[in-house]
N, C-alpha and C. Protein backbone atom coordinates (compact mmCIF):
# COMPACT_ATOMS: atom_id res chain seq x y z
N UNK A 1 0.40 16.89 19.23
CA UNK A 1 0.49 15.43 19.22
C UNK A 1 -0.07 14.91 20.54
N UNK A 2 -0.93 13.91 20.44
CA UNK A 2 -1.52 13.31 21.62
C UNK A 2 -0.45 12.65 22.47
N UNK A 3 -0.51 12.85 23.78
CA UNK A 3 0.48 12.26 24.68
C UNK A 3 0.45 10.75 24.57
N UNK A 4 1.63 10.14 24.54
CA UNK A 4 1.75 8.70 24.47
C UNK A 4 1.81 8.14 23.06
N UNK A 5 1.58 9.00 22.07
CA UNK A 5 1.64 8.51 20.68
C UNK A 5 3.08 8.41 20.23
N UNK A 6 3.34 7.44 19.38
CA UNK A 6 4.68 7.20 18.85
C UNK A 6 4.81 7.89 17.50
N UNK A 7 5.86 8.69 17.33
CA UNK A 7 6.09 9.33 16.04
C UNK A 7 7.40 8.81 15.47
N UNK A 8 7.31 8.29 14.25
CA UNK A 8 8.51 7.79 13.61
C UNK A 8 8.26 7.69 12.12
N UNK A 9 9.32 7.52 11.34
CA UNK A 9 9.15 7.28 9.92
C UNK A 9 8.52 5.91 9.75
N UNK A 10 7.75 5.77 8.69
CA UNK A 10 7.04 4.51 8.48
C UNK A 10 7.88 3.58 7.61
N UNK A 11 8.14 2.41 8.14
CA UNK A 11 8.84 1.36 7.41
C UNK A 11 8.10 0.06 7.66
N UNK A 12 7.73 -0.61 6.58
CA UNK A 12 7.05 -1.90 6.68
C UNK A 12 7.93 -2.95 6.02
N UNK A 13 8.06 -4.08 6.67
CA UNK A 13 8.80 -5.20 6.10
C UNK A 13 7.87 -6.39 6.03
N UNK A 14 7.90 -7.08 4.90
CA UNK A 14 7.02 -8.23 4.75
C UNK A 14 7.49 -9.15 3.65
N UNK A 15 6.70 -10.19 3.43
CA UNK A 15 7.04 -11.21 2.43
C UNK A 15 6.19 -11.05 1.18
N UNK A 16 6.85 -11.17 0.04
CA UNK A 16 6.16 -11.12 -1.25
C UNK A 16 5.24 -12.33 -1.34
N UNK A 17 4.00 -12.09 -1.78
CA UNK A 17 3.03 -13.18 -1.93
C UNK A 17 2.21 -12.97 -3.19
N UNK A 18 1.68 -14.05 -3.71
CA UNK A 18 0.83 -13.96 -4.90
C UNK A 18 -0.56 -13.49 -4.50
N UNK A 19 -1.16 -12.71 -5.39
CA UNK A 19 -2.52 -12.24 -5.15
C UNK A 19 -3.52 -13.05 -5.94
N UNK A 20 -4.67 -12.45 -6.13
CA UNK A 20 -5.74 -13.11 -6.86
C UNK A 20 -5.62 -12.95 -8.36
N UNK A 21 -4.69 -12.08 -8.79
CA UNK A 21 -4.48 -11.87 -10.21
C UNK A 21 -5.51 -10.98 -10.87
N UNK A 22 -6.21 -10.18 -10.07
CA UNK A 22 -7.25 -9.32 -10.62
C UNK A 22 -6.89 -7.85 -10.63
N UNK A 23 -5.79 -7.47 -10.03
CA UNK A 23 -5.43 -6.05 -9.93
C UNK A 23 -5.28 -5.39 -11.29
N UNK A 24 -4.85 -6.16 -12.29
CA UNK A 24 -4.63 -5.57 -13.62
C UNK A 24 -5.91 -4.99 -14.21
N UNK A 25 -7.06 -5.55 -13.85
CA UNK A 25 -8.34 -5.03 -14.34
C UNK A 25 -8.51 -3.58 -13.90
N UNK A 26 -8.16 -3.30 -12.67
CA UNK A 26 -8.30 -1.96 -12.13
C UNK A 26 -7.12 -1.07 -12.54
N UNK A 27 -5.93 -1.63 -12.46
CA UNK A 27 -4.73 -0.84 -12.73
C UNK A 27 -4.66 -0.34 -14.17
N UNK A 28 -5.28 -1.04 -15.10
CA UNK A 28 -5.22 -0.66 -16.51
C UNK A 28 -6.19 0.47 -16.86
N UNK A 29 -7.07 0.84 -15.95
CA UNK A 29 -8.07 1.88 -16.23
C UNK A 29 -7.39 3.25 -16.39
N UNK A 30 -7.69 3.92 -17.50
CA UNK A 30 -7.10 5.24 -17.78
C UNK A 30 -7.32 6.22 -16.64
N UNK A 31 -8.52 6.20 -16.06
CA UNK A 31 -8.85 7.13 -14.97
C UNK A 31 -7.86 6.99 -13.81
N UNK A 32 -7.54 5.75 -13.46
CA UNK A 32 -6.56 5.51 -12.40
C UNK A 32 -5.15 5.88 -12.86
N UNK A 33 -4.80 5.46 -14.06
CA UNK A 33 -3.44 5.68 -14.56
C UNK A 33 -3.08 7.17 -14.59
N UNK A 34 -4.03 8.03 -14.94
CA UNK A 34 -3.76 9.47 -14.94
C UNK A 34 -3.41 9.96 -13.53
N UNK A 35 -4.07 9.39 -12.54
CA UNK A 35 -3.78 9.78 -11.15
C UNK A 35 -2.47 9.17 -10.66
N UNK A 36 -2.17 7.95 -11.11
CA UNK A 36 -0.90 7.31 -10.72
C UNK A 36 0.28 8.09 -11.28
N UNK A 37 0.13 8.69 -12.44
CA UNK A 37 1.20 9.50 -13.04
C UNK A 37 1.62 10.62 -12.10
N UNK A 38 0.65 11.21 -11.42
CA UNK A 38 0.94 12.31 -10.50
C UNK A 38 1.75 11.83 -9.29
N UNK A 39 1.59 10.58 -8.93
CA UNK A 39 2.29 10.04 -7.77
C UNK A 39 3.65 9.45 -8.17
N UNK A 40 3.65 8.67 -9.25
CA UNK A 40 4.84 7.93 -9.66
C UNK A 40 5.68 8.63 -10.73
N UNK A 41 5.11 9.66 -11.37
CA UNK A 41 5.82 10.37 -12.42
C UNK A 41 5.64 9.74 -13.79
N UNK A 42 4.96 8.60 -13.87
CA UNK A 42 4.70 7.91 -15.12
C UNK A 42 3.58 6.91 -14.86
N UNK A 43 3.14 6.22 -15.89
CA UNK A 43 2.08 5.23 -15.70
C UNK A 43 2.58 4.09 -14.83
N UNK A 44 1.67 3.50 -14.10
CA UNK A 44 2.01 2.38 -13.23
C UNK A 44 1.95 1.08 -14.02
N UNK A 45 2.79 0.13 -13.64
CA UNK A 45 2.70 -1.21 -14.18
C UNK A 45 1.28 -1.71 -13.90
N UNK A 46 0.62 -2.35 -14.86
CA UNK A 46 -0.78 -2.75 -14.65
C UNK A 46 -0.94 -3.98 -13.75
N UNK A 47 -0.56 -3.84 -12.52
CA UNK A 47 -0.69 -4.88 -11.52
C UNK A 47 -0.10 -4.38 -10.22
N UNK A 48 -0.26 -5.14 -9.17
CA UNK A 48 0.32 -4.76 -7.87
C UNK A 48 1.22 -5.88 -7.38
N UNK A 49 2.15 -5.51 -6.53
CA UNK A 49 2.96 -6.49 -5.82
C UNK A 49 2.35 -6.61 -4.43
N UNK A 50 2.05 -7.82 -4.03
CA UNK A 50 1.48 -8.05 -2.70
C UNK A 50 2.59 -8.37 -1.71
N UNK A 51 2.54 -7.68 -0.57
CA UNK A 51 3.52 -7.89 0.49
C UNK A 51 2.74 -8.18 1.77
N UNK A 52 2.90 -9.40 2.27
CA UNK A 52 2.19 -9.80 3.49
C UNK A 52 2.98 -9.36 4.71
N UNK A 53 2.27 -8.71 5.65
CA UNK A 53 2.91 -8.19 6.86
C UNK A 53 2.33 -8.87 8.10
N UNK A 54 3.13 -8.87 9.16
CA UNK A 54 2.68 -9.44 10.43
C UNK A 54 3.37 -8.68 11.56
N UNK A 55 2.99 -9.00 12.79
CA UNK A 55 3.61 -8.38 13.96
C UNK A 55 3.48 -6.87 13.97
N UNK A 56 4.56 -6.17 14.30
CA UNK A 56 4.54 -4.71 14.37
C UNK A 56 4.31 -4.07 13.01
N UNK A 57 4.71 -4.76 11.94
CA UNK A 57 4.45 -4.23 10.59
C UNK A 57 2.95 -4.25 10.30
N UNK A 58 2.24 -5.26 10.77
CA UNK A 58 0.80 -5.30 10.64
C UNK A 58 0.15 -4.16 11.42
N UNK A 59 0.66 -3.89 12.60
CA UNK A 59 0.14 -2.78 13.41
C UNK A 59 0.28 -1.47 12.62
N UNK A 60 1.43 -1.24 12.02
CA UNK A 60 1.64 -0.03 11.23
C UNK A 60 0.71 0.02 10.02
N UNK A 61 0.52 -1.12 9.37
CA UNK A 61 -0.37 -1.17 8.21
C UNK A 61 -1.82 -0.89 8.62
N UNK A 62 -2.25 -1.42 9.75
CA UNK A 62 -3.60 -1.14 10.25
C UNK A 62 -3.74 0.36 10.53
N UNK A 63 -2.69 1.00 11.03
CA UNK A 63 -2.73 2.45 11.24
C UNK A 63 -2.93 3.18 9.91
N UNK A 64 -2.23 2.74 8.86
CA UNK A 64 -2.40 3.35 7.53
C UNK A 64 -3.81 3.11 7.01
N UNK A 65 -4.34 1.92 7.20
CA UNK A 65 -5.71 1.62 6.76
C UNK A 65 -6.70 2.54 7.48
N UNK A 66 -6.54 2.68 8.78
CA UNK A 66 -7.44 3.55 9.55
C UNK A 66 -7.34 5.00 9.07
N UNK A 67 -6.12 5.45 8.86
CA UNK A 67 -5.87 6.82 8.36
C UNK A 67 -6.58 7.01 7.01
N UNK A 68 -6.64 5.95 6.21
CA UNK A 68 -7.26 5.99 4.89
C UNK A 68 -8.78 5.87 4.96
N UNK A 69 -9.31 5.59 6.14
CA UNK A 69 -10.75 5.43 6.30
C UNK A 69 -11.25 4.03 6.01
N UNK A 70 -10.34 3.06 5.95
CA UNK A 70 -10.71 1.67 5.68
C UNK A 70 -10.77 0.92 7.01
N UNK A 71 -11.94 0.38 7.31
CA UNK A 71 -12.11 -0.37 8.54
C UNK A 71 -11.40 -1.72 8.46
N UNK A 72 -10.88 -2.14 9.58
CA UNK A 72 -10.28 -3.46 9.71
C UNK A 72 -11.07 -4.17 10.80
N UNK A 73 -12.28 -4.55 10.45
CA UNK A 73 -13.22 -5.05 11.44
C UNK A 73 -12.81 -6.36 12.08
N UNK A 74 -12.18 -7.24 11.32
CA UNK A 74 -11.90 -8.57 11.84
C UNK A 74 -10.47 -8.74 12.36
N UNK A 75 -9.85 -7.65 12.77
CA UNK A 75 -8.49 -7.72 13.30
C UNK A 75 -8.56 -7.67 14.83
N UNK A 76 -7.61 -8.27 15.47
CA UNK A 76 -7.54 -8.29 16.93
C UNK A 76 -7.60 -6.87 17.50
N UNK A 77 -8.41 -6.70 18.53
CA UNK A 77 -8.60 -5.38 19.15
C UNK A 77 -7.29 -4.79 19.68
N UNK A 78 -6.37 -5.64 20.16
CA UNK A 78 -5.08 -5.16 20.66
C UNK A 78 -4.27 -4.51 19.55
N UNK A 79 -4.37 -5.06 18.34
CA UNK A 79 -3.66 -4.48 17.19
C UNK A 79 -4.25 -3.11 16.86
N UNK A 80 -5.58 -3.00 16.89
CA UNK A 80 -6.24 -1.72 16.62
C UNK A 80 -5.81 -0.65 17.63
N UNK A 81 -5.74 -1.04 18.89
CA UNK A 81 -5.36 -0.10 19.95
C UNK A 81 -3.92 0.38 19.73
N UNK A 82 -3.01 -0.56 19.44
CA UNK A 82 -1.62 -0.18 19.18
C UNK A 82 -1.52 0.71 17.93
N UNK A 83 -2.30 0.39 16.91
CA UNK A 83 -2.28 1.17 15.67
C UNK A 83 -2.75 2.60 15.90
N UNK A 84 -3.71 2.76 16.80
CA UNK A 84 -4.24 4.10 17.10
C UNK A 84 -3.19 4.99 17.75
N UNK A 85 -2.15 4.41 18.32
CA UNK A 85 -1.10 5.18 18.98
C UNK A 85 0.03 5.59 18.04
N UNK A 86 -0.07 5.26 16.78
CA UNK A 86 0.96 5.64 15.81
C UNK A 86 0.60 6.98 15.19
N UNK A 87 1.51 7.91 15.28
CA UNK A 87 1.31 9.25 14.73
C UNK A 87 1.71 9.25 13.26
N UNK A 88 0.76 9.49 12.39
CA UNK A 88 1.01 9.50 10.95
C UNK A 88 1.08 10.92 10.38
N UNK A 89 1.24 11.90 11.24
CA UNK A 89 1.24 13.30 10.77
C UNK A 89 2.39 13.61 9.82
N UNK A 90 3.45 12.82 9.83
CA UNK A 90 4.57 13.06 8.93
C UNK A 90 4.48 12.24 7.65
N UNK A 91 3.40 11.47 7.48
CA UNK A 91 3.20 10.65 6.29
C UNK A 91 2.16 11.33 5.40
N UNK A 92 2.53 11.56 4.15
CA UNK A 92 1.59 12.19 3.21
C UNK A 92 0.85 11.14 2.42
N UNK A 93 -0.41 11.43 2.15
CA UNK A 93 -1.21 10.53 1.33
C UNK A 93 -1.83 11.32 0.19
N UNK A 94 -2.21 10.59 -0.83
CA UNK A 94 -2.90 11.20 -1.96
C UNK A 94 -4.16 10.39 -2.24
N UNK A 95 -5.21 11.08 -2.52
CA UNK A 95 -6.49 10.42 -2.79
C UNK A 95 -6.58 10.01 -4.26
N UNK A 96 -6.94 8.77 -4.50
CA UNK A 96 -7.21 8.26 -5.84
C UNK A 96 -8.74 8.20 -5.96
N UNK A 97 -9.28 8.99 -6.86
CA UNK A 97 -10.73 9.08 -7.01
C UNK A 97 -11.27 7.88 -7.79
N UNK A 98 -12.39 7.38 -7.34
CA UNK A 98 -13.08 6.33 -8.06
C UNK A 98 -13.91 6.92 -9.19
N UNK A 99 -14.60 6.07 -9.93
CA UNK A 99 -15.41 6.53 -11.07
C UNK A 99 -16.40 5.46 -11.47
N UNK A 100 -17.34 5.84 -12.33
CA UNK A 100 -18.30 4.92 -12.92
C UNK A 100 -18.01 4.80 -14.40
N UNK A 101 -18.06 3.59 -14.91
CA UNK A 101 -17.90 3.36 -16.35
C UNK A 101 -18.88 2.28 -16.77
N UNK A 102 -19.77 2.64 -17.70
CA UNK A 102 -20.75 1.71 -18.25
C UNK A 102 -21.52 0.98 -17.15
N UNK A 103 -21.92 1.74 -16.14
CA UNK A 103 -22.71 1.20 -15.05
C UNK A 103 -21.92 0.42 -14.01
N UNK A 104 -20.62 0.33 -14.19
CA UNK A 104 -19.76 -0.40 -13.24
C UNK A 104 -18.99 0.60 -12.38
N UNK A 105 -18.98 0.35 -11.09
CA UNK A 105 -18.30 1.24 -10.15
C UNK A 105 -16.85 0.79 -9.93
N UNK A 106 -15.94 1.73 -10.05
CA UNK A 106 -14.53 1.51 -9.73
C UNK A 106 -14.23 2.40 -8.53
N UNK A 107 -13.91 1.78 -7.40
CA UNK A 107 -13.76 2.51 -6.15
C UNK A 107 -12.50 3.33 -6.06
N UNK A 108 -12.49 4.19 -5.08
CA UNK A 108 -11.33 5.02 -4.80
C UNK A 108 -10.31 4.30 -3.94
N UNK A 109 -9.23 5.00 -3.67
CA UNK A 109 -8.15 4.42 -2.86
C UNK A 109 -7.34 5.56 -2.26
N UNK A 110 -6.46 5.20 -1.36
CA UNK A 110 -5.49 6.13 -0.80
C UNK A 110 -4.11 5.61 -1.16
N UNK A 111 -3.24 6.53 -1.61
CA UNK A 111 -1.88 6.15 -2.00
C UNK A 111 -0.88 6.85 -1.09
N UNK A 112 0.16 6.11 -0.72
CA UNK A 112 1.25 6.63 0.10
C UNK A 112 2.54 6.48 -0.69
N UNK A 113 3.21 7.58 -0.95
CA UNK A 113 4.45 7.60 -1.72
C UNK A 113 5.57 6.94 -0.93
N UNK A 114 6.43 6.18 -1.61
CA UNK A 114 7.52 5.53 -0.91
C UNK A 114 8.54 4.91 -1.83
N UNK A 115 9.32 4.03 -1.25
CA UNK A 115 10.30 3.24 -2.00
C UNK A 115 10.22 1.80 -1.50
N UNK A 116 10.66 0.89 -2.35
CA UNK A 116 10.71 -0.52 -1.98
C UNK A 116 12.14 -1.01 -2.20
N UNK A 117 12.57 -1.91 -1.33
CA UNK A 117 13.94 -2.42 -1.40
C UNK A 117 13.96 -3.89 -0.99
N UNK A 118 14.77 -4.66 -1.67
CA UNK A 118 14.99 -6.07 -1.32
C UNK A 118 16.47 -6.23 -1.01
N UNK A 119 16.77 -6.61 0.22
CA UNK A 119 18.17 -6.82 0.62
C UNK A 119 19.00 -5.56 0.44
N UNK A 120 20.14 -5.72 -0.21
CA UNK A 120 21.07 -4.60 -0.42
C UNK A 120 20.87 -3.93 -1.78
N UNK A 121 19.85 -4.34 -2.52
CA UNK A 121 19.59 -3.75 -3.83
C UNK A 121 19.21 -2.27 -3.68
N UNK A 122 19.41 -1.49 -4.74
CA UNK A 122 18.95 -0.10 -4.70
C UNK A 122 17.43 -0.05 -4.55
N UNK A 123 16.93 0.98 -3.88
CA UNK A 123 15.49 1.12 -3.72
C UNK A 123 14.86 1.60 -5.02
N UNK A 124 13.59 1.29 -5.18
CA UNK A 124 12.82 1.66 -6.36
C UNK A 124 11.61 2.48 -5.90
N UNK A 125 11.34 3.61 -6.54
CA UNK A 125 10.15 4.40 -6.18
C UNK A 125 8.88 3.57 -6.36
N UNK A 126 7.95 3.75 -5.44
CA UNK A 126 6.69 3.02 -5.48
C UNK A 126 5.65 3.79 -4.69
N UNK A 127 4.48 3.21 -4.57
CA UNK A 127 3.44 3.73 -3.68
C UNK A 127 2.68 2.55 -3.11
N UNK A 128 2.27 2.70 -1.87
CA UNK A 128 1.36 1.74 -1.25
C UNK A 128 -0.04 2.20 -1.61
N UNK A 129 -0.86 1.29 -2.08
CA UNK A 129 -2.21 1.61 -2.48
C UNK A 129 -3.18 0.87 -1.56
N UNK A 130 -4.05 1.62 -0.89
CA UNK A 130 -5.05 1.02 -0.03
C UNK A 130 -6.42 1.32 -0.63
N UNK A 131 -6.98 0.33 -1.34
CA UNK A 131 -8.31 0.53 -1.93
C UNK A 131 -9.37 0.70 -0.84
N UNK A 132 -10.39 1.49 -1.15
CA UNK A 132 -11.49 1.69 -0.21
C UNK A 132 -12.19 0.37 0.10
N UNK A 133 -12.30 -0.48 -0.91
CA UNK A 133 -12.91 -1.79 -0.74
C UNK A 133 -11.86 -2.84 -1.04
N UNK A 134 -11.47 -3.57 -0.01
CA UNK A 134 -10.45 -4.60 -0.18
C UNK A 134 -10.71 -5.73 0.78
N UNK A 135 -10.37 -6.92 0.35
CA UNK A 135 -10.49 -8.09 1.23
C UNK A 135 -9.22 -8.29 2.05
N UNK A 136 -8.15 -7.66 1.59
CA UNK A 136 -6.86 -7.83 2.27
C UNK A 136 -6.86 -7.14 3.63
N UNK A 137 -6.40 -7.85 4.64
CA UNK A 137 -6.23 -7.26 5.96
C UNK A 137 -4.75 -7.15 6.29
N UNK A 138 -3.97 -8.14 5.87
CA UNK A 138 -2.55 -8.18 6.21
C UNK A 138 -1.66 -8.15 4.97
N UNK A 139 -2.22 -7.72 3.83
CA UNK A 139 -1.47 -7.68 2.58
C UNK A 139 -1.43 -6.25 2.06
N UNK A 140 -0.22 -5.74 1.89
CA UNK A 140 0.00 -4.40 1.36
C UNK A 140 0.10 -4.51 -0.16
N UNK A 141 -0.64 -3.66 -0.87
CA UNK A 141 -0.58 -3.63 -2.32
C UNK A 141 0.36 -2.50 -2.74
N UNK A 142 1.37 -2.85 -3.54
CA UNK A 142 2.39 -1.90 -3.95
C UNK A 142 2.30 -1.68 -5.45
N UNK A 143 2.34 -0.40 -5.86
CA UNK A 143 2.36 -0.07 -7.28
C UNK A 143 3.67 0.64 -7.60
N UNK A 144 4.10 0.50 -8.85
CA UNK A 144 5.33 1.14 -9.32
C UNK A 144 5.26 1.21 -10.84
N UNK A 145 6.17 1.95 -11.43
CA UNK A 145 6.21 2.02 -12.90
C UNK A 145 6.80 0.75 -13.48
N UNK A 146 7.60 0.05 -12.70
CA UNK A 146 8.24 -1.19 -13.15
C UNK A 146 7.46 -2.41 -12.67
N UNK A 147 7.63 -3.52 -13.38
CA UNK A 147 7.15 -4.81 -12.91
C UNK A 147 8.14 -5.22 -11.83
N UNK A 148 7.77 -5.04 -10.57
CA UNK A 148 8.71 -5.16 -9.46
C UNK A 148 9.32 -6.55 -9.31
N UNK A 149 8.60 -7.59 -9.61
CA UNK A 149 9.17 -8.94 -9.50
C UNK A 149 10.39 -9.10 -10.40
N UNK A 150 10.32 -8.54 -11.61
CA UNK A 150 11.46 -8.62 -12.53
C UNK A 150 12.53 -7.59 -12.17
N UNK A 151 12.11 -6.36 -11.91
CA UNK A 151 13.07 -5.29 -11.64
C UNK A 151 13.93 -5.58 -10.41
N UNK A 152 13.36 -6.28 -9.43
CA UNK A 152 14.08 -6.57 -8.19
C UNK A 152 14.50 -8.03 -8.09
N UNK A 153 14.16 -8.83 -9.08
CA UNK A 153 14.45 -10.25 -9.08
C UNK A 153 13.96 -10.89 -7.78
N UNK A 154 12.65 -10.71 -7.52
CA UNK A 154 12.05 -11.25 -6.30
C UNK A 154 10.92 -12.20 -6.68
N UNK A 155 10.58 -13.08 -5.74
CA UNK A 155 9.48 -14.01 -5.94
C UNK A 155 8.80 -14.26 -4.60
N UNK A 156 7.73 -15.03 -4.62
CA UNK A 156 6.99 -15.33 -3.39
C UNK A 156 7.95 -15.82 -2.31
N UNK A 157 7.75 -15.28 -1.10
CA UNK A 157 8.56 -15.67 0.05
C UNK A 157 9.74 -14.76 0.31
N UNK A 158 10.14 -13.95 -0.69
CA UNK A 158 11.24 -13.01 -0.49
C UNK A 158 10.80 -11.85 0.40
N UNK A 159 11.72 -11.33 1.19
CA UNK A 159 11.43 -10.23 2.11
C UNK A 159 11.80 -8.89 1.44
N UNK A 160 10.87 -7.94 1.55
CA UNK A 160 11.11 -6.59 1.04
C UNK A 160 10.76 -5.58 2.12
N UNK A 161 11.34 -4.39 1.98
CA UNK A 161 11.04 -3.28 2.91
C UNK A 161 10.42 -2.14 2.13
N UNK A 162 9.41 -1.54 2.73
CA UNK A 162 8.74 -0.38 2.15
C UNK A 162 8.97 0.80 3.08
N UNK A 163 9.47 1.89 2.52
CA UNK A 163 9.71 3.10 3.29
C UNK A 163 8.80 4.19 2.74
N UNK A 164 7.96 4.74 3.60
CA UNK A 164 7.04 5.80 3.19
C UNK A 164 7.66 7.16 3.38
N UNK A 165 7.35 8.04 2.45
CA UNK A 165 7.90 9.42 2.49
C UNK A 165 6.85 10.38 2.98
């Protein structure tokens, strides 16, 4: 371990937010769903839950993005420097392979196994999904077998915690 690096379990806390409503196009693809089964134990709900992060949670998310090979070009340099000091050696990731279908490219992603929790509710198994190509810089995309908004009775503005395994 590089001297000065911080090693700890990864926990991100953020606010539920609405996305662009396009994740279902990708999430419904059989090629992805077969890979999600290996992570979640069953097919994933055909959509993602967006969780907006800031502060130290954003720093941790930038570290995960960097670990996944996704550049965060337009983020403050101080955040990048702090993110580089986070040791992710105890966090496992799984590669989601992209594919071509009828001349259309569906990109790959990196998935991190975890759980999501709102308040004192029981946690629900999930995964953080970081697509290779994404416009999101401060929004974590969460997948699960359940429709998380209903399963957790959450809506935009509610705070949730993500714990990575």
